[in-house]
Amino acid sequence: METESRVEQFVYLSFPPAVPGEEYSSTQSLIETGVMDSMGVLVMVTWLEEEFGIIVDDEDVIPENMDSIANLAGYVDRKLAEMSVAG
């Protein structure tokens, strides 16, 4: 849950809701709802790499990994687990 909290905090800071006080659902599509556009995805990828020390491969930049707070957190947790097994 810590990963999801960190991702959520970054989403709110970098892509604040259009309506103050509005909240994002952890499963809400950030792309389909217009919260993040293609530039936002690049900002997110850069932040994930810096914040968590992972490398986001080009083939990983897909909705299943990048489209919601929950998907982003799950992706990061999987990458961190892969690194701990490999490392």
PDB file of N, CA and C in Angstrom:
ATOM      1  N   MET A   1       0.830  -1.211   0.000  1.00  0.00           N
ATOM      2  CA  MET A   1       0.000   0.000   0.000  1.00  0.00           C
ATOM      3  C   MET A   1       0.865   1.263   0.000  1.00  0.00           C
ATOM      4  N   GLU A   2       2.083   1.157   0.523  1.00  0.00           N
ATOM      5  CA  GLU A   2       2.946   2.320   0.549  1.00  0.00           C
ATOM      6  C   GLU A   2       3.225   2.825  -0.867  1.00  0.00           C
ATOM      7  N   THR A   3       3.455   1.912  -1.795  1.00  0.00           N
ATOM      8  CA  THR A   3       3.710   2.303  -3.181  1.00  0.00           C
ATOM      9  C   THR A   3       2.516   3.056  -3.730  1.00  0.00           C
ATOM     10  N   GLU A   4       1.329   2.529  -3.510  1.00  0.00           N
ATOM     11  CA  GLU A   4       0.122   3.182  -4.027  1.00  0.00           C
ATOM     12  C   GLU A   4      -0.038   4.578  -3.430  1.00  0.00           C
ATOM     13  N   SER A   5       0.268   4.747  -2.168  1.00  0.00           N
ATOM     14  CA  SER A   5       0.167   6.067  -1.538  1.00  0.00           C
ATOM     15  C   SER A   5       1.138   7.058  -2.161  1.00  0.00           C
ATOM     16  N   ARG A   6       2.351   6.603  -2.439  1.00  0.00           N
ATOM     17  CA  ARG A   6       3.344   7.479  -3.060  1.00  0.00           C
ATOM     18  C   ARG A   6       2.925   7.868  -4.478  1.00  0.00           C
ATOM     19  N   VAL A   7       2.426   6.890  -5.231  1.00  0.00           N
ATOM     20  CA  VAL A   7       1.959   7.168  -6.593  1.00  0.00           C
ATOM     21  C   VAL A   7       0.781   8.129  -6.541  1.00  0.00           C
ATOM     22  N   GLU A   8      -0.156   7.870  -5.655  1.00  0.00           N
ATOM     23  CA  GLU A   8      -1.332   8.730  -5.529  1.00  0.00           C
ATOM     24  C   GLU A   8      -0.925  10.166  -5.197  1.00  0.00           C
ATOM     25  N   GLN A   9      -0.003  10.324  -4.271  1.00  0.00           N
ATOM     26  CA  GLN A   9       0.452  11.661  -3.885  1.00  0.00           C
ATOM     27  C   GLN A   9       1.063  12.378  -5.097  1.00  0.00           C
ATOM     28  N   PHE A  10       1.868  11.672  -5.891  1.00  0.00           N
ATOM     29  CA  PHE A  10       2.467  12.277  -7.075  1.00  0.00           C
ATOM     30  C   PHE A  10       1.401  12.664  -8.100  1.00  0.00           C
ATOM     31  N   VAL A  11       0.414  11.807  -8.286  1.00  0.00           N
ATOM     32  CA  VAL A  11      -0.664  12.106  -9.233  1.00  0.00           C
ATOM     33  C   VAL A  11      -1.375  13.392  -8.821  1.00  0.00           C
ATOM     34  N   TYR A  12      -1.708  13.522  -7.542  1.00  0.00           N
ATOM     35  CA  TYR A  12      -2.410  14.728  -7.075  1.00  0.00           C
ATOM     36  C   TYR A  12      -1.548  15.984  -7.204  1.00  0.00           C
ATOM     37  N   LEU A  13      -0.241  15.856  -6.965  1.00  0.00           N
ATOM     38  CA  LEU A  13       0.642  17.012  -7.081  1.00  0.00           C
ATOM     39  C   LEU A  13       0.878  17.410  -8.534  1.00  0.00           C
ATOM     40  N   SER A  14       1.021  16.422  -9.404  1.00  0.00           N
ATOM     41  CA  SER A  14       1.372  16.691 -10.798  1.00  0.00           C
ATOM     42  C   SER A  14       0.169  16.875 -11.704  1.00  0.00           C
ATOM     43  N   PHE A  15      -0.934  16.249 -11.369  1.00  0.00           N
ATOM     44  CA  PHE A  15      -2.144  16.298 -12.187  1.00  0.00           C
ATOM     45  C   PHE A  15      -3.352  16.580 -11.289  1.00  0.00           C
ATOM     46  N   PRO A  16      -3.390  17.777 -10.716  1.00  0.00           N
ATOM     47  CA  PRO A  16      -4.465  18.066  -9.751  1.00  0.00           C
ATOM     48  C   PRO A  16      -5.845  17.996 -10.409  1.00  0.00           C
ATOM     49  N   PRO A  17      -6.833  17.607  -9.624  1.00  0.00           N
ATOM     50  CA  PRO A  17      -8.202  17.537 -10.149  1.00  0.00           C
ATOM     51  C   PRO A  17      -8.669  18.909 -10.646  1.00  0.00           C
ATOM     52  N   ALA A  18      -9.502  18.886 -11.683  1.00  0.00           N
ATOM     53  CA  ALA A  18     -10.043  20.129 -12.239  1.00  0.00           C
ATOM     54  C   ALA A  18     -10.906  20.852 -11.214  1.00  0.00           C
ATOM     55  N   VAL A  19     -11.587  20.075 -10.392  1.00  0.00           N
ATOM     56  CA  VAL A  19     -12.445  20.634  -9.349  1.00  0.00           C
ATOM     57  C   VAL A  19     -11.729  20.455  -8.008  1.00  0.00           C
ATOM     58  N   PRO A  20     -11.375  21.543  -7.328  1.00  0.00           N
ATOM     59  CA  PRO A  20     -10.703  21.414  -6.037  1.00  0.00           C
ATOM     60  C   PRO A  20     -11.486  20.508  -5.084  1.00  0.00           C
ATOM     61  N   GLY A  21     -10.762  19.607  -4.437  1.00  0.00           N
ATOM     62  CA  GLY A  21     -11.395  18.689  -3.494  1.00  0.00           C
ATOM     63  C   GLY A  21     -11.868  17.398  -4.130  1.00  0.00           C
ATOM     64  N   GLU A  22     -11.934  17.363  -5.456  1.00  0.00           N
ATOM     65  CA  GLU A  22     -12.332  16.142  -6.147  1.00  0.00           C
ATOM     66  C   GLU A  22     -11.275  15.075  -5.918  1.00  0.00           C
ATOM     67  N   GLU A  23     -11.693  13.830  -5.821  1.00  0.00           N
ATOM     68  CA  GLU A  23     -10.755  12.748  -5.583  1.00  0.00           C
ATOM     69  C   GLU A  23     -10.763  11.774  -6.746  1.00  0.00           C
ATOM     70  N   TYR A  24      -9.595  11.194  -7.007  1.00  0.00           N
ATOM     71  CA  TYR A  24      -9.478  10.159  -8.026  1.00  0.00           C
ATOM     72  C   TYR A  24      -9.685   8.799  -7.374  1.00  0.00           C
ATOM     73  N   SER A  25     -10.383   7.927  -8.071  1.00  0.00           N
ATOM     74  CA  SER A  25     -10.480   6.536  -7.643  1.00  0.00           C
ATOM     75  C   SER A  25      -9.165   5.854  -7.994  1.00  0.00           C
ATOM     76  N   SER A  26      -8.747   4.901  -7.207  1.00  0.00           N
ATOM     77  CA  SER A  26      -7.476   4.226  -7.488  1.00  0.00           C
ATOM     78  C   SER A  26      -7.535   3.417  -8.777  1.00  0.00           C
ATOM     79  N   THR A  27      -8.749   3.089  -9.235  1.00  0.00           N
ATOM     80  CA  THR A  27      -8.897   2.311 -10.463  1.00  0.00           C
ATOM     81  C   THR A  27      -9.377   3.155 -11.649  1.00  0.00           C
ATOM     82  N   GLN A  28      -9.555   4.435 -11.433  1.00  0.00           N
ATOM     83  CA  GLN A  28     -10.009   5.340 -12.486  1.00  0.00           C
ATOM     84  C   GLN A  28      -8.957   5.435 -13.592  1.00  0.00           C
ATOM     85  N   SER A  29      -9.390   5.386 -14.842  1.00  0.00           N
ATOM     86  CA  SER A  29      -8.471   5.549 -15.964  1.00  0.00           C
ATOM     87  C   SER A  29      -7.994   6.995 -16.023  1.00  0.00           C
ATOM     88  N   LEU A  30      -6.710   7.196 -15.785  1.00  0.00           N
ATOM     89  CA  LEU A  30      -6.154   8.545 -15.798  1.00  0.00           C
ATOM     90  C   LEU A  30      -6.032   9.079 -17.227  1.00  0.00           C
ATOM     91  N   ILE A  31      -5.906   8.176 -18.188  1.00  0.00           N
ATOM     92  CA  ILE A  31      -5.767   8.578 -19.585  1.00  0.00           C
ATOM     93  C   ILE A  31      -7.142   8.846 -20.202  1.00  0.00           C
ATOM     94  N   GLU A  32      -8.069   7.920 -20.057  1.00  0.00           N
ATOM     95  CA  GLU A  32      -9.393   8.081 -20.646  1.00  0.00           C
ATOM     96  C   GLU A  32     -10.143   9.281 -20.074  1.00  0.00           C
ATOM     97  N   THR A  33      -9.900   9.604 -18.818  1.00  0.00           N
ATOM     98  CA  THR A  33     -10.589  10.736 -18.198  1.00  0.00           C
ATOM     99  C   THR A  33      -9.862  12.055 -18.418  1.00  0.00           C
ATOM    100  N   GLY A  34      -8.725  12.000 -19.124  1.00  0.00           N
ATOM    101  CA  GLY A  34      -7.998  13.219 -19.445  1.00  0.00           C
ATOM    102  C   GLY A  34      -7.106  13.767 -18.340  1.00  0.00           C
ATOM    103  N   VAL A  35      -6.932  13.013 -17.277  1.00  0.00           N
ATOM    104  CA  VAL A  35      -6.058  13.455 -16.191  1.00  0.00           C
ATOM    105  C   VAL A  35      -4.621  13.505 -16.699  1.00  0.00           C
ATOM    106  N   MET A  36      -4.214  12.454 -17.435  1.00  0.00           N
ATOM    107  CA  MET A  36      -2.867  12.380 -18.009  1.00  0.00           C
ATOM    108  C   MET A  36      -2.978  12.257 -19.523  1.00  0.00           C
ATOM    109  N   ASP A  37      -2.147  13.027 -20.235  1.00  0.00           N
ATOM    110  CA  ASP A  37      -2.027  12.861 -21.676  1.00  0.00           C
ATOM    111  C   ASP A  37      -0.682  12.189 -21.955  1.00  0.00           C
ATOM    112  N   SER A  38      -0.264  12.156 -23.210  1.00  0.00           N
ATOM    113  CA  SER A  38       0.994  11.472 -23.530  1.00  0.00           C
ATOM    114  C   SER A  38       2.186  12.116 -22.837  1.00  0.00           C
ATOM    115  N   MET A  39       2.180  13.429 -22.722  1.00  0.00           N
ATOM    116  CA  MET A  39       3.266  14.100 -21.989  1.00  0.00           C
ATOM    117  C   MET A  39       3.206  13.733 -20.502  1.00  0.00           C
ATOM    118  N   GLY A  40       2.010  13.620 -19.971  1.00  0.00           N
ATOM    119  CA  GLY A  40       1.848  13.213 -18.576  1.00  0.00           C
ATOM    120  C   GLY A  40       2.388  11.823 -18.325  1.00  0.00           C
ATOM    121  N   VAL A  41       2.210  10.936 -19.296  1.00  0.00           N
ATOM    122  CA  VAL A  41       2.750   9.580 -19.163  1.00  0.00           C
ATOM    123  C   VAL A  41       4.278   9.643 -19.104  1.00  0.00           C
ATOM    124  N   LEU A  42       4.880  10.490 -19.929  1.00  0.00           N
ATOM    125  CA  LEU A  42       6.339  10.641 -19.896  1.00  0.00           C
ATOM    126  C   LEU A  42       6.811  11.195 -18.555  1.00  0.00           C
ATOM    127  N   VAL A  43       6.081  12.157 -18.023  1.00  0.00           N
ATOM    128  CA  VAL A  43       6.402  12.705 -16.703  1.00  0.00           C
ATOM    129  C   VAL A  43       6.307  11.590 -15.647  1.00  0.00           C
ATOM    130  N   MET A  44       5.268  10.785 -15.750  1.00  0.00           N
ATOM    131  CA  MET A  44       5.061   9.687 -14.800  1.00  0.00           C
ATOM    132  C   MET A  44       6.201   8.676 -14.893  1.00  0.00           C
ATOM    133  N   VAL A  45       6.569   8.290 -16.112  1.00  0.00           N
ATOM    134  CA  VAL A  45       7.643   7.312 -16.298  1.00  0.00           C
ATOM    135  C   VAL A  45       8.941   7.834 -15.687  1.00  0.00           C
ATOM    136  N   THR A  46       9.267   9.094 -15.968  1.00  0.00           N
ATOM    137  CA  THR A  46      10.496   9.691 -15.422  1.00  0.00           C
ATOM    138  C   THR A  46      10.463   9.677 -13.905  1.00  0.00           C
ATOM    139  N   TRP A  47       9.329  10.046 -13.321  1.00  0.00           N
ATOM    140  CA  TRP A  47       9.204  10.059 -11.866  1.00  0.00           C
ATOM    141  C   TRP A  47       9.337   8.653 -11.284  1.00  0.00           C
ATOM    142  N   LEU A  48       8.670   7.672 -11.910  1.00  0.00           N
ATOM    143  CA  LEU A  48       8.754   6.293 -11.415  1.00  0.00           C
ATOM    144  C   LEU A  48      10.203   5.816 -11.386  1.00  0.00           C
ATOM    145  N   GLU A  49      10.937   6.108 -12.458  1.00  0.00           N
ATOM    146  CA  GLU A  49      12.328   5.677 -12.522  1.00  0.00           C
ATOM    147  C   GLU A  49      13.167   6.339 -11.437  1.00  0.00           C
ATOM    148  N   GLU A  50      12.967   7.625 -11.227  1.00  0.00           N
ATOM    149  CA  GLU A  50      13.739   8.353 -10.218  1.00  0.00           C
ATOM    150  C   GLU A  50      13.307   7.993  -8.794  1.00  0.00           C
ATOM    151  N   GLU A  51      12.028   7.916  -8.574  1.00  0.00           N
ATOM    152  CA  GLU A  51      11.488   7.691  -7.226  1.00  0.00           C
ATOM    153  C   GLU A  51      11.748   6.279  -6.722  1.00  0.00           C
ATOM    154  N   PHE A  52      11.612   5.291  -7.608  1.00  0.00           N
ATOM    155  CA  PHE A  52      11.684   3.899  -7.177  1.00  0.00           C
ATOM    156  C   PHE A  52      12.950   3.188  -7.654  1.00  0.00           C
ATOM    157  N   GLY A  53      13.771   3.861  -8.461  1.00  0.00           N
ATOM    158  CA  GLY A  53      15.011   3.255  -8.928  1.00  0.00           C
ATOM    159  C   GLY A  53      14.797   2.099  -9.888  1.00  0.00           C
ATOM    160  N   ILE A  54      13.732   2.184 -10.677  1.00  0.00           N
ATOM    161  CA  ILE A  54      13.436   1.130 -11.652  1.00  0.00           C
ATOM    162  C   ILE A  54      13.684   1.671 -13.055  1.00  0.00           C
ATOM    163  N   ILE A  55      13.739   0.759 -14.009  1.00  0.00           N
ATOM    164  CA  ILE A  55      13.805   1.144 -15.417  1.00  0.00           C
ATOM    165  C   ILE A  55      12.492   0.725 -16.048  1.00  0.00           C
ATOM    166  N   VAL A  56      11.784   1.697 -16.615  1.00  0.00           N
ATOM    167  CA  VAL A  56      10.516   1.426 -17.284  1.00  0.00           C
ATOM    168  C   VAL A  56      10.836   1.172 -18.755  1.00  0.00           C
ATOM    169  N   ASP A  57      10.709  -0.071 -19.166  1.00  0.00           N
ATOM    170  CA  ASP A  57      10.962  -0.435 -20.554  1.00  0.00           C
ATOM    171  C   ASP A  57       9.845   0.096 -21.444  1.00  0.00           C
ATOM    172  N   ASP A  58      10.200   0.421 -22.692  1.00  0.00           N
ATOM    173  CA  ASP A  58       9.209   0.965 -23.630  1.00  0.00           C
ATOM    174  C   ASP A  58       7.981   0.066 -23.749  1.00  0.00           C
ATOM    175  N   GLU A  59       8.202  -1.250 -23.783  1.00  0.00           N
ATOM    176  CA  GLU A  59       7.074  -2.176 -23.941  1.00  0.00           C
ATOM    177  C   GLU A  59       6.190  -2.234 -22.693  1.00  0.00           C
ATOM    178  N   ASP A  60       6.655  -1.663 -21.592  1.00  0.00           N
ATOM    179  CA  ASP A  60       5.849  -1.620 -20.361  1.00  0.00           C
ATOM    180  C   ASP A  60       4.919  -0.413 -20.300  1.00  0.00           C
ATOM    181  N   VAL A  61       5.080   0.521 -21.227  1.00  0.00           N
ATOM    182  CA  VAL A  61       4.252   1.737 -21.224  1.00  0.00           C
ATOM    183  C   VAL A  61       2.950   1.424 -21.955  1.00  0.00           C
ATOM    184  N   ILE A  62       2.099   0.691 -21.247  1.00  0.00           N
ATOM    185  CA  ILE A  62       0.799   0.261 -21.762  1.00  0.00           C
ATOM    186  C   ILE A  62      -0.252   0.540 -20.693  1.00  0.00           C
ATOM    187  N   PRO A  63      -1.517   0.640 -21.099  1.00  0.00           N
ATOM    188  CA  PRO A  63      -2.571   0.950 -20.116  1.00  0.00           C
ATOM    189  C   PRO A  63      -2.605  -0.003 -18.924  1.00  0.00           C
ATOM    190  N   GLU A  64      -2.313  -1.274 -19.154  1.00  0.00           N
ATOM    191  CA  GLU A  64      -2.346  -2.241 -18.049  1.00  0.00           C
ATOM    192  C   GLU A  64      -1.374  -1.867 -16.937  1.00  0.00           C
ATOM    193  N   ASN A  65      -0.345  -1.075 -17.266  1.00  0.00           N
ATOM    194  CA  ASN A  65       0.631  -0.658 -16.267  1.00  0.00           C
ATOM    195  C   ASN A  65       0.497   0.805 -15.861  1.00  0.00           C
ATOM    196  N   MET A  66       0.006   1.643 -16.751  1.00  0.00           N
ATOM    197  CA  MET A  66       0.104   3.092 -16.562  1.00  0.00           C
ATOM    198  C   MET A  66      -1.226   3.825 -16.428  1.00  0.00           C
ATOM    199  N   ASP A  67      -2.346   3.140 -16.505  1.00  0.00           N
ATOM    200  CA  ASP A  67      -3.618   3.833 -16.679  1.00  0.00           C
ATOM    201  C   ASP A  67      -4.337   4.240 -15.401  1.00  0.00           C
ATOM    202  N   SER A  68      -3.921   3.738 -14.264  1.00  0.00           N
ATOM    203  CA  SER A  68      -4.595   4.114 -13.014  1.00  0.00           C
ATOM    204  C   SER A  68      -3.579   4.081 -11.878  1.00  0.00           C
ATOM    205  N   ILE A  69      -3.950   4.655 -10.786  1.00  0.00           N
ATOM    206  CA  ILE A  69      -3.076   4.652  -9.611  1.00  0.00           C
ATOM    207  C   ILE A  69      -2.790   3.210  -9.183  1.00  0.00           C
ATOM    208  N   ALA A  70      -3.813   2.376  -9.169  1.00  0.00           N
ATOM    209  CA  ALA A  70      -3.641   0.977  -8.767  1.00  0.00           C
ATOM    210  C   ALA A  70      -2.746   0.237  -9.753  1.00  0.00           C
ATOM    211  N   ASN A  71      -2.935   0.457 -11.062  1.00  0.00           N
ATOM    212  CA  ASN A  71      -2.093  -0.207 -12.063  1.00  0.00           C
ATOM    213  C   ASN A  71      -0.642   0.243 -11.937  1.00  0.00           C
ATOM    214  N   LEU A  72      -0.429   1.531 -11.740  1.00  0.00           N
ATOM    215  CA  LEU A  72       0.927   2.059 -11.577  1.00  0.00           C
ATOM    216  C   LEU A  72       1.614   1.443 -10.361  1.00  0.00           C
ATOM    217  N   ALA A  73       0.903   1.386  -9.245  1.00  0.00           N
ATOM    218  CA  ALA A  73       1.473   0.816  -8.022  1.00  0.00           C
ATOM    219  C   ALA A  73       1.785  -0.666  -8.206  1.00  0.00           C
ATOM    220  N   GLY A  74       0.885  -1.386  -8.838  1.00  0.00           N
ATOM    221  CA  GLY A  74       1.119  -2.809  -9.099  1.00  0.00           C
ATOM    222  C   GLY A  74       2.323  -3.026  -9.989  1.00  0.00           C
ATOM    223  N   TYR A  75       2.457  -2.190 -11.006  1.00  0.00           N
ATOM    224  CA  TYR A  75       3.600  -2.271 -11.912  1.00  0.00           C
ATOM    225  C   TYR A  75       4.908  -2.036 -11.149  1.00  0.00           C
ATOM    226  N   VAL A  76       4.946  -0.992 -10.346  1.00  0.00           N
ATOM    227  CA  VAL A  76       6.152  -0.684  -9.573  1.00  0.00           C
ATOM    228  C   VAL A  76       6.489  -1.840  -8.642  1.00  0.00           C
ATOM    229  N   ASP A  77       5.505  -2.361  -7.948  1.00  0.00           N
ATOM    230  CA  ASP A  77       5.757  -3.472  -7.022  1.00  0.00           C
ATOM    231  C   ASP A  77       6.309  -4.696  -7.760  1.00  0.00           C
ATOM    232  N   ARG A  78       5.779  -4.982  -8.964  1.00  0.00           N
ATOM    233  CA  ARG A  78       6.292  -6.113  -9.754  1.00  0.00           C
ATOM    234  C   ARG A  78       7.741  -5.866 -10.175  1.00  0.00           C
ATOM    235  N   LYS A  79       8.041  -4.636 -10.615  1.00  0.00           N
ATOM    236  CA  LYS A  79       9.408  -4.309 -11.032  1.00  0.00           C
ATOM    237  C   LYS A  79      10.378  -4.418  -9.855  1.00  0.00           C
ATOM    238  N   LEU A  80       9.971  -3.926  -8.689  1.00  0.00           N
ATOM    239  CA  LEU A  80      10.822  -4.000  -7.500  1.00  0.00           C
ATOM    240  C   LEU A  80      11.045  -5.457  -7.093  1.00  0.00           C
ATOM    241  N   ALA A  81      10.010  -6.294  -7.203  1.00  0.00           N
ATOM    242  CA  ALA A  81      10.147  -7.716  -6.877  1.00  0.00           C
ATOM    243  C   ALA A  81      11.100  -8.393  -7.852  1.00  0.00           C
ATOM    244  N   GLU A  82      11.001  -8.047  -9.149  1.00  0.00           N
ATOM    245  CA  GLU A  82      11.912  -8.614 -10.150  1.00  0.00           C
ATOM    246  C   GLU A  82      13.353  -8.229  -9.826  1.00  0.00           C
ATOM    247  N   MET A  83      13.550  -6.979  -9.429  1.00  0.00           N
ATOM    248  CA  MET A  83      14.891  -6.502  -9.103  1.00  0.00           C
ATOM    249  C   MET A  83      15.462  -7.227  -7.887  1.00  0.00           C
ATOM    250  N   SER A  84      14.627  -7.497  -6.882  1.00  0.00           N
ATOM    251  CA  SER A  84      15.124  -8.156  -5.677  1.00  0.00           C
ATOM    252  C   SER A  84      15.466  -9.618  -5.954  1.00  0.00           C
ATOM    253  N   VAL A  85      14.747 -10.252  -6.877  1.00  0.00           N
ATOM    254  CA  VAL A  85      15.050 -11.643  -7.248  1.00  0.00           C
ATOM    255  C   VAL A  85      16.324 -11.683  -8.081  1.00  0.00           C
ATOM    256  N   ALA A  86      16.458 -10.721  -9.001  1.00  0.00           N
ATOM    257  CA  ALA A  86      17.620 -10.683  -9.895  1.00  0.00           C
ATOM    258  C   ALA A  86      18.876 -10.183  -9.179  1.00  0.00           C
ATOM    259  N   GLY A  87      18.661  -9.361  -8.160  1.00  0.00           N
ATOM    260  CA  GLY A  87      19.794  -8.683  -7.545  1.00  0.00           C
ATOM    261  C   GLY A  87      20.408  -9.414  -6.429  1.00  0.00           C
TER     262      GLY A  87
END
